Amino acid sequence: MQKMNHGVFISYANADRSVADLLVERIEETGVRCWIAPRDEVPGLRYGDVIDEAVEQSKIVVVLFSKSALKSEW
């Protein structure tokens, strides 16, 4: 897989997308690049593989923990 250029992986449930987008915006204002789906997904690759690689290459993983996240399959 290709080397990804990010420092923070953002994990969130779809229902929390607006909060996740705001978080990414604030973090990236400081000059730190985030990885967030679907913006940074790689077309043609298996979603699970892309996620695994993105997490492995991140220095920090931020999990937006919510009721929606508890119900999420992922």
PDB file of N, CA and C in Angstrom:
ATOM      1  N   MET A   1       0.836  -1.190   0.000  1.00  0.00           N
ATOM      2  CA  MET A   1       0.000   0.000   0.000  1.00  0.00           C
ATOM      3  C   MET A   1       0.876   1.248   0.000  1.00  0.00           C
ATOM      4  N   GLN A   2       0.289   2.343  -0.419  1.00  0.00           N
ATOM      5  CA  GLN A   2       1.039   3.592  -0.470  1.00  0.00           C
ATOM      6  C   GLN A   2       1.197   4.212   0.907  1.00  0.00           C
ATOM      7  N   LYS A   3       2.262   4.986   1.070  1.00  0.00           N
ATOM      8  CA  LYS A   3       2.495   5.704   2.320  1.00  0.00           C
ATOM      9  C   LYS A   3       1.497   6.849   2.439  1.00  0.00           C
ATOM     10  N   MET A   4       0.800   6.909   3.529  1.00  0.00           N
ATOM     11  CA  MET A   4      -0.184   7.968   3.759  1.00  0.00           C
ATOM     12  C   MET A   4       0.491   9.113   4.501  1.00  0.00           C
ATOM     13  N   ASN A   5       0.041  10.310   4.240  1.00  0.00           N
ATOM     14  CA  ASN A   5       0.656  11.490   4.836  1.00  0.00           C
ATOM     15  C   ASN A   5      -0.305  12.127   5.841  1.00  0.00           C
ATOM     16  N   HIS A   6      -0.345  11.561   7.031  1.00  0.00           N
ATOM     17  CA  HIS A   6      -1.214  12.096   8.073  1.00  0.00           C
ATOM     18  C   HIS A   6      -0.650  11.745   9.438  1.00  0.00           C
ATOM     19  N   GLY A   7      -1.070  12.473  10.442  1.00  0.00           N
ATOM     20  CA  GLY A   7      -0.612  12.201  11.795  1.00  0.00           C
ATOM     21  C   GLY A   7      -1.693  11.709  12.726  1.00  0.00           C
ATOM     22  N   VAL A   8      -2.957  12.009  12.377  1.00  0.00           N
ATOM     23  CA  VAL A   8      -4.076  11.673  13.253  1.00  0.00           C
ATOM     24  C   VAL A   8      -5.136  10.913  12.460  1.00  0.00           C
ATOM     25  N   PHE A   9      -5.558   9.779  12.995  1.00  0.00           N
ATOM     26  CA  PHE A   9      -6.658   9.009  12.413  1.00  0.00           C
ATOM     27  C   PHE A   9      -7.907   9.330  13.216  1.00  0.00           C
ATOM     28  N   ILE A  10      -8.980   9.697  12.512  1.00  0.00           N
ATOM     29  CA  ILE A  10     -10.246  10.030  13.168  1.00  0.00           C
ATOM     30  C   ILE A  10     -11.242   8.889  12.942  1.00  0.00           C
ATOM     31  N   SER A  11     -11.730   8.318  14.027  1.00  0.00           N
ATOM     32  CA  SER A  11     -12.719   7.252  13.964  1.00  0.00           C
ATOM     33  C   SER A  11     -14.049   7.792  14.494  1.00  0.00           C
ATOM     34  N   TYR A  12     -15.108   7.577  13.734  1.00  0.00           N
ATOM     35  CA  TYR A  12     -16.408   8.123  14.127  1.00  0.00           C
ATOM     36  C   TYR A  12     -17.534   7.308  13.495  1.00  0.00           C
ATOM     37  N   ALA A  13     -18.707   7.384  14.070  1.00  0.00           N
ATOM     38  CA  ALA A  13     -19.904   6.780  13.488  1.00  0.00           C
ATOM     39  C   ALA A  13     -20.497   7.782  12.492  1.00  0.00           C
ATOM     40  N   ASN A  14     -21.103   7.295  11.445  1.00  0.00           N
ATOM     41  CA  ASN A  14     -21.690   8.178  10.427  1.00  0.00           C
ATOM     42  C   ASN A  14     -22.623   9.221  11.025  1.00  0.00           C
ATOM     43  N   ALA A  15     -23.341   8.865  12.066  1.00  0.00           N
ATOM     44  CA  ALA A  15     -24.273   9.809  12.692  1.00  0.00           C
ATOM     45  C   ALA A  15     -23.537  10.997  13.328  1.00  0.00           C
ATOM     46  N   ASP A  16     -22.255  10.836  13.579  1.00  0.00           N
ATOM     47  CA  ASP A  16     -21.450  11.888  14.204  1.00  0.00           C
ATOM     48  C   ASP A  16     -20.558  12.620  13.199  1.00  0.00           C
ATOM     49  N   ARG A  17     -20.882  12.509  11.935  1.00  0.00           N
ATOM     50  CA  ARG A  17     -20.042  13.075  10.872  1.00  0.00           C
ATOM     51  C   ARG A  17     -19.788  14.569  11.042  1.00  0.00           C
ATOM     52  N   SER A  18     -20.790  15.338  11.412  1.00  0.00           N
ATOM     53  CA  SER A  18     -20.601  16.786  11.525  1.00  0.00           C
ATOM     54  C   SER A  18     -19.589  17.126  12.628  1.00  0.00           C
ATOM     55  N   VAL A  19     -19.618  16.391  13.720  1.00  0.00           N
ATOM     56  CA  VAL A  19     -18.655  16.602  14.808  1.00  0.00           C
ATOM     57  C   VAL A  19     -17.258  16.194  14.337  1.00  0.00           C
ATOM     58  N   ALA A  20     -17.170  15.073  13.638  1.00  0.00           N
ATOM     59  CA  ALA A  20     -15.878  14.598  13.129  1.00  0.00           C
ATOM     60  C   ALA A  20     -15.279  15.604  12.148  1.00  0.00           C
ATOM     61  N   ASP A  21     -16.096  16.139  11.256  1.00  0.00           N
ATOM     62  CA  ASP A  21     -15.606  17.138  10.293  1.00  0.00           C
ATOM     63  C   ASP A  21     -15.101  18.391  10.996  1.00  0.00           C
ATOM     64  N   LEU A  22     -15.799  18.815  12.032  1.00  0.00           N
ATOM     65  CA  LEU A  22     -15.367  19.985  12.791  1.00  0.00           C
ATOM     66  C   LEU A  22     -14.038  19.703  13.502  1.00  0.00           C
ATOM     67  N   LEU A  23     -13.908  18.524  14.067  1.00  0.00           N
ATOM     68  CA  LEU A  23     -12.673  18.131  14.732  1.00  0.00           C
ATOM     69  C   LEU A  23     -11.498  18.141  13.747  1.00  0.00           C
ATOM     70  N   VAL A  24     -11.700  17.563  12.576  1.00  0.00           N
ATOM     71  CA  VAL A  24     -10.655  17.544  11.551  1.00  0.00           C
ATOM     72  C   VAL A  24     -10.273  18.968  11.156  1.00  0.00           C
ATOM     73  N   GLU A  25     -11.266  19.794  10.958  1.00  0.00           N
ATOM     74  CA  GLU A  25     -11.003  21.186  10.586  1.00  0.00           C
ATOM     75  C   GLU A  25     -10.119  21.871  11.632  1.00  0.00           C
ATOM     76  N   ARG A  26     -10.458  21.704  12.899  1.00  0.00           N
ATOM     77  CA  ARG A  26      -9.699  22.351  13.979  1.00  0.00           C
ATOM     78  C   ARG A  26      -8.271  21.800  14.076  1.00  0.00           C
ATOM     79  N   ILE A  27      -8.136  20.494  13.965  1.00  0.00           N
ATOM     80  CA  ILE A  27      -6.798  19.889  14.038  1.00  0.00           C
ATOM     81  C   ILE A  27      -5.954  20.334  12.849  1.00  0.00           C
ATOM     82  N   GLU A  28      -6.531  20.309  11.657  1.00  0.00           N
ATOM     83  CA  GLU A  28      -5.766  20.657  10.467  1.00  0.00           C
ATOM     84  C   GLU A  28      -5.411  22.140  10.414  1.00  0.00           C
ATOM     85  N   GLU A  29      -6.156  22.992  11.116  1.00  0.00           N
ATOM     86  CA  GLU A  29      -5.786  24.407  11.232  1.00  0.00           C
ATOM     87  C   GLU A  29      -4.437  24.577  11.920  1.00  0.00           C
ATOM     88  N   THR A  30      -4.032  23.590  12.718  1.00  0.00           N
ATOM     89  CA  THR A  30      -2.750  23.651  13.418  1.00  0.00           C
ATOM     90  C   THR A  30      -1.608  23.114  12.556  1.00  0.00           C
ATOM     91  N   GLY A  31      -1.933  22.620  11.365  1.00  0.00           N
ATOM     92  CA  GLY A  31      -0.910  22.089  10.470  1.00  0.00           C
ATOM     93  C   GLY A  31      -0.731  20.589  10.545  1.00  0.00           C
ATOM     94  N   VAL A  32      -1.543  19.914  11.353  1.00  0.00           N
ATOM     95  CA  VAL A  32      -1.472  18.459  11.469  1.00  0.00           C
ATOM     96  C   VAL A  32      -2.532  17.851  10.555  1.00  0.00           C
ATOM     97  N   ARG A  33      -2.107  16.970   9.665  1.00  0.00           N
ATOM     98  CA  ARG A  33      -3.030  16.346   8.716  1.00  0.00           C
ATOM     99  C   ARG A  33      -3.744  15.176   9.386  1.00  0.00           C
ATOM    100  N   CYS A  34      -5.038  15.064   9.112  1.00  0.00           N
ATOM    101  CA  CYS A  34      -5.856  13.959   9.626  1.00  0.00           C
ATOM    102  C   CYS A  34      -6.216  13.000   8.501  1.00  0.00           C
ATOM    103  N   TRP A  35      -6.490  11.766   8.880  1.00  0.00           N
ATOM    104  CA  TRP A  35      -7.071  10.789   7.963  1.00  0.00           C
ATOM    105  C   TRP A  35      -8.498  10.581   8.437  1.00  0.00           C
ATOM    106  N   ILE A  36      -9.451  10.771   7.512  1.00  0.00           N
ATOM    107  CA  ILE A  36     -10.859  10.565   7.829  1.00  0.00           C
ATOM    108  C   ILE A  36     -11.561  10.004   6.598  1.00  0.00           C
ATOM    109  N   ALA A  37     -12.404   9.021   6.828  1.00  0.00           N
ATOM    110  CA  ALA A  37     -13.211   8.469   5.743  1.00  0.00           C
ATOM    111  C   ALA A  37     -14.433   9.347   5.582  1.00  0.00           C
ATOM    112  N   PRO A  38     -14.988   9.489   4.443  1.00  0.00           N
ATOM    113  CA  PRO A  38     -14.548   8.916   3.170  1.00  0.00           C
ATOM    114  C   PRO A  38     -13.523   9.775   2.428  1.00  0.00           C
ATOM    115  N   ARG A  39     -13.177  10.930   2.960  1.00  0.00           N
ATOM    116  CA  ARG A  39     -12.275  11.842   2.251  1.00  0.00           C
ATOM    117  C   ARG A  39     -10.977  11.176   1.825  1.00  0.00           C
ATOM    118  N   ASP A  40     -10.402  10.361   2.697  1.00  0.00           N
ATOM    119  CA  ASP A  40      -9.074   9.820   2.436  1.00  0.00           C
ATOM    120  C   ASP A  40      -9.059   8.358   2.023  1.00  0.00           C
ATOM    121  N   GLU A  41     -10.222   7.794   1.737  1.00  0.00           N
ATOM    122  CA  GLU A  41     -10.264   6.414   1.260  1.00  0.00           C
ATOM    123  C   GLU A  41      -9.571   6.317  -0.091  1.00  0.00           C
ATOM    124  N   VAL A  42      -8.984   5.153  -0.351  1.00  0.00           N
ATOM    125  CA  VAL A  42      -8.302   4.918  -1.618  1.00  0.00           C
ATOM    126  C   VAL A  42      -9.211   4.063  -2.495  1.00  0.00           C
ATOM    127  N   PRO A  43      -9.683   4.614  -3.624  1.00  0.00           N
ATOM    128  CA  PRO A  43     -10.571   3.860  -4.501  1.00  0.00           C
ATOM    129  C   PRO A  43      -9.916   2.562  -4.984  1.00  0.00           C
ATOM    130  N   GLY A  44     -10.706   1.517  -5.037  1.00  0.00           N
ATOM    131  CA  GLY A  44     -10.235   0.242  -5.553  1.00  0.00           C
ATOM    132  C   GLY A  44      -9.613  -0.672  -4.509  1.00  0.00           C
ATOM    133  N   LEU A  45      -9.411  -0.186  -3.306  1.00  0.00           N
ATOM    134  CA  LEU A  45      -8.846  -1.013  -2.252  1.00  0.00           C
ATOM    135  C   LEU A  45      -9.935  -1.387  -1.254  1.00  0.00           C
ATOM    136  N   ARG A  46      -9.758  -2.526  -0.598  1.00  0.00           N
ATOM    137  CA  ARG A  46     -10.734  -2.971   0.396  1.00  0.00           C
ATOM    138  C   ARG A  46     -10.752  -2.007   1.571  1.00  0.00           C
ATOM    139  N   TYR A  47     -11.949  -1.612   1.973  1.00  0.00           N
ATOM    140  CA  TYR A  47     -12.133  -0.620   3.036  1.00  0.00           C
ATOM    141  C   TYR A  47     -11.402  -1.020   4.321  1.00  0.00           C
ATOM    142  N   GLY A  48     -11.568  -2.247   4.747  1.00  0.00           N
ATOM    143  CA  GLY A  48     -10.929  -2.712   5.974  1.00  0.00           C
ATOM    144  C   GLY A  48      -9.413  -2.620   5.906  1.00  0.00           C
ATOM    145  N   ASP A  49      -8.835  -2.955   4.747  1.00  0.00           N
ATOM    146  CA  ASP A  49      -7.384  -2.872   4.574  1.00  0.00           C
ATOM    147  C   ASP A  49      -6.901  -1.427   4.645  1.00  0.00           C
ATOM    148  N   VAL A  50      -7.662  -0.530   4.025  1.00  0.00           N
ATOM    149  CA  VAL A  50      -7.300   0.888   4.032  1.00  0.00           C
ATOM    150  C   VAL A  50      -7.345   1.437   5.456  1.00  0.00           C
ATOM    151  N   ILE A  51      -8.372   1.076   6.194  1.00  0.00           N
ATOM    152  CA  ILE A  51      -8.510   1.523   7.579  1.00  0.00           C
ATOM    153  C   ILE A  51      -7.347   0.995   8.422  1.00  0.00           C
ATOM    154  N   ASP A  52      -7.055  -0.292   8.301  1.00  0.00           N
ATOM    155  CA  ASP A  52      -5.956  -0.884   9.063  1.00  0.00           C
ATOM    156  C   ASP A  52      -4.643  -0.151   8.793  1.00  0.00           C
ATOM    157  N   GLU A  53      -4.356   0.094   7.527  1.00  0.00           N
ATOM    158  CA  GLU A  53      -3.124   0.777   7.144  1.00  0.00           C
ATOM    159  C   GLU A  53      -3.084   2.204   7.685  1.00  0.00           C
ATOM    160  N   ALA A  54      -4.205   2.898   7.595  1.00  0.00           N
ATOM    161  CA  ALA A  54      -4.260   4.281   8.084  1.00  0.00           C
ATOM    162  C   ALA A  54      -4.023   4.340   9.593  1.00  0.00           C
ATOM    163  N   VAL A  55      -4.607   3.423  10.328  1.00  0.00           N
ATOM    164  CA  VAL A  55      -4.402   3.380  11.780  1.00  0.00           C
ATOM    165  C   VAL A  55      -2.936   3.085  12.093  1.00  0.00           C
ATOM    166  N   GLU A  56      -2.356   2.103  11.403  1.00  0.00           N
ATOM    167  CA  GLU A  56      -0.959   1.728  11.645  1.00  0.00           C
ATOM    168  C   GLU A  56      -0.001   2.881  11.370  1.00  0.00           C
ATOM    169  N   GLN A  57      -0.310   3.710  10.392  1.00  0.00           N
ATOM    170  CA  GLN A  57       0.589   4.797  10.011  1.00  0.00           C
ATOM    171  C   GLN A  57       0.343   6.086  10.809  1.00  0.00           C
ATOM    172  N   SER A  58      -0.641   6.092  11.649  1.00  0.00           N
ATOM    173  CA  SER A  58      -0.963   7.280  12.444  1.00  0.00           C
ATOM    174  C   SER A  58      -0.153   7.326  13.722  1.00  0.00           C
ATOM    175  N   LYS A  59       0.149   8.531  14.160  1.00  0.00           N
ATOM    176  CA  LYS A  59       0.797   8.714  15.454  1.00  0.00           C
ATOM    177  C   LYS A  59      -0.249   8.744  16.559  1.00  0.00           C
ATOM    178  N   ILE A  60      -1.450   9.236  16.207  1.00  0.00           N
ATOM    179  CA  ILE A  60      -2.543   9.389  17.174  1.00  0.00           C
ATOM    180  C   ILE A  60      -3.832   8.872  16.541  1.00  0.00           C
ATOM    181  N   VAL A  61      -4.642   8.187  17.334  1.00  0.00           N
ATOM    182  CA  VAL A  61      -5.975   7.768  16.910  1.00  0.00           C
ATOM    183  C   VAL A  61      -6.974   8.449  17.836  1.00  0.00           C
ATOM    184  N   VAL A  62      -7.907   9.170  17.239  1.00  0.00           N
ATOM    185  CA  VAL A  62      -8.964   9.832  18.008  1.00  0.00           C
ATOM    186  C   VAL A  62     -10.265   9.100  17.721  1.00  0.00           C
ATOM    187  N   VAL A  63     -10.915   8.631  18.767  1.00  0.00           N
ATOM    188  CA  VAL A  63     -12.187   7.932  18.625  1.00  0.00           C
ATOM    189  C   VAL A  63     -13.286   8.821  19.188  1.00  0.00           C
ATOM    190  N   LEU A  64     -14.241   9.175  18.341  1.00  0.00           N
ATOM    191  CA  LEU A  64     -15.418   9.919  18.808  1.00  0.00           C
ATOM    192  C   LEU A  64     -16.385   8.887  19.369  1.00  0.00           C
ATOM    193  N   PHE A  65     -16.406   8.787  20.664  1.00  0.00           N
ATOM    194  CA  PHE A  65     -17.200   7.771  21.338  1.00  0.00           C
ATOM    195  C   PHE A  65     -18.572   8.346  21.665  1.00  0.00           C
ATOM    196  N   SER A  66     -19.620   7.720  21.149  1.00  0.00           N
ATOM    197  CA  SER A  66     -20.983   8.187  21.340  1.00  0.00           C
ATOM    198  C   SER A  66     -21.935   7.006  21.336  1.00  0.00           C
ATOM    199  N   LYS A  67     -23.198   7.284  21.569  1.00  0.00           N
ATOM    200  CA  LYS A  67     -24.212   6.229  21.485  1.00  0.00           C
ATOM    201  C   LYS A  67     -24.240   5.643  20.085  1.00  0.00           C
ATOM    202  N   SER A  68     -24.069   6.482  19.084  1.00  0.00           N
ATOM    203  CA  SER A  68     -24.041   5.996  17.694  1.00  0.00           C
ATOM    204  C   SER A  68     -22.836   5.099  17.463  1.00  0.00           C
ATOM    205  N   ALA A  69     -21.712   5.458  18.042  1.00  0.00           N
ATOM    206  CA  ALA A  69     -20.506   4.647  17.886  1.00  0.00           C
ATOM    207  C   ALA A  69     -20.699   3.258  18.518  1.00  0.00           C
ATOM    208  N   LEU A  70     -21.390   3.219  19.638  1.00  0.00           N
ATOM    209  CA  LEU A  70     -21.646   1.929  20.296  1.00  0.00           C
ATOM    210  C   LEU A  70     -22.482   0.997  19.423  1.00  0.00           C
ATOM    211  N   LYS A  71     -23.360   1.576  18.612  1.00  0.00           N
ATOM    212  CA  LYS A  71     -24.246   0.797  17.759  1.00  0.00           C
ATOM    213  C   LYS A  71     -23.617   0.463  16.408  1.00  0.00           C
ATOM    214  N   SER A  72     -22.494   1.092  16.085  1.00  0.00           N
ATOM    215  CA  SER A  72     -21.878   0.931  14.774  1.00  0.00           C
ATOM    216  C   SER A  72     -21.204  -0.435  14.617  1.00  0.00           C
ATOM    217  N   GLU A  73     -21.351  -1.016  13.455  1.00  0.00           N
ATOM    218  CA  GLU A  73     -20.702  -2.302  13.145  1.00  0.00           C
ATOM    219  C   GLU A  73     -19.185  -2.160  13.190  1.00  0.00           C
ATOM    220  N   TRP A  74     -18.679  -1.032  12.747  1.00  0.00           N
ATOM    221  CA  TRP A  74     -17.226  -0.822  12.679  1.00  0.00           C
ATOM    222  C   TRP A  74     -16.704  -0.427  14.035  1.00  0.00           C
TER     223      TRP A  74
END
